[in-house]
Protein backbone atom coordinates (compact mmCIF):
# COMPACT_ATOMS: atom_id res chain seq x y z
CA MET A 1 -26.47 24.08 -54.92
CA PRO A 2 -28.63 26.33 -57.13
CA ARG A 3 -27.11 27.45 -60.41
CA SER A 4 -27.85 31.09 -59.58
CA THR A 5 -25.58 30.79 -56.53
CA PHE A 6 -22.86 29.03 -58.45
CA TYR A 7 -22.72 31.54 -61.33
CA TYR A 8 -23.27 34.70 -59.23
CA GLN A 9 -20.50 37.27 -59.61
CA PRO A 10 -20.71 40.25 -57.23
CA GLN A 11 -20.76 43.63 -58.91
CA PRO A 12 -18.22 46.26 -57.78
CA GLU A 13 -19.52 49.47 -56.25
CA CYS A 14 -20.14 52.26 -58.75
CA ALA A 15 -18.15 55.49 -58.66
CA ASP A 16 -21.08 57.43 -57.20
CA HIS A 17 -21.36 55.09 -54.20
CA LEU A 18 -17.60 55.21 -53.64
CA ARG A 19 -17.70 59.02 -53.66
CA LEU A 20 -20.58 59.03 -51.16
CA MET A 21 -18.81 56.53 -48.92
CA ARG A 22 -15.72 58.74 -48.89
CA GLN A 23 -17.81 61.80 -47.95
CA LEU A 24 -19.62 59.75 -45.32
CA ASP A 25 -16.33 58.63 -43.82
CA GLU A 26 -14.95 62.18 -43.73
CA LEU A 27 -18.14 63.45 -42.08
CA TYR A 28 -17.98 60.59 -39.57
CA LEU A 29 -14.43 61.55 -38.59
CA LYS A 30 -15.58 65.14 -37.93
CA CYS A 31 -18.84 64.22 -36.17
CA PRO A 32 -18.90 60.62 -34.92
CA PHE A 33 -22.16 61.25 -33.04
CA PHE A 34 -24.16 61.71 -36.27
CA GLY A 35 -26.61 58.90 -36.99
CA SER A 36 -28.04 57.94 -40.36
CA ARG A 37 -30.70 60.66 -40.23
CA LYS A 38 -28.22 63.51 -39.72
CA MET A 39 -25.77 62.01 -42.24
CA ALA A 40 -28.56 61.86 -44.82
CA VAL A 41 -29.43 65.52 -44.20
CA GLU A 42 -25.79 66.65 -44.42
CA LEU A 43 -25.10 64.72 -47.65
CA ALA A 44 -28.56 65.38 -49.16
CA ILE A 45 -29.28 61.69 -49.75
CA ASN A 46 -32.02 59.26 -48.80
CA ARG A 47 -31.81 57.94 -45.21
CA LYS A 48 -32.04 54.32 -46.33
CA ARG A 49 -29.08 54.90 -48.62
CA ALA A 50 -27.13 56.44 -45.76
CA GLN A 51 -27.97 53.43 -43.56
CA ARG A 52 -26.82 50.98 -46.23
CA LEU A 53 -23.54 52.79 -46.87
CA MET A 54 -22.87 53.14 -43.14
CA ARG A 55 -23.46 49.40 -42.73
CA ILE A 56 -21.02 48.67 -45.59
CA LEU A 57 -18.40 50.94 -43.98
CA GLY A 58 -19.06 49.44 -40.56
CA ILE A 59 -19.68 52.78 -38.85
CA GLU A 60 -22.35 53.70 -36.32
CA ALA A 61 -23.06 56.74 -34.17
CA HIS A 62 -21.40 57.11 -30.76
CA TYR A 63 -23.82 58.33 -28.13
CA ALA A 64 -23.14 59.53 -24.61
CA VAL A 65 -24.02 57.06 -21.90
CA SER A 66 -26.00 58.50 -18.99
CA VAL A 67 -25.51 56.94 -15.57
């Protein structure tokens, strides 16, 4: 086992990320069909950041299924 793995201590999320995750969750409850692109536009953040926070929260857009 590498020493870096043994001594690694995960860092808690900063207050800014927690605030963004809360806003992201509230927006998701209002509009569950928004993907990362629309979430990023609504929250005025980078799309990659929106993707990462959505992945942490375990949320993804719900799309209509066409038959």
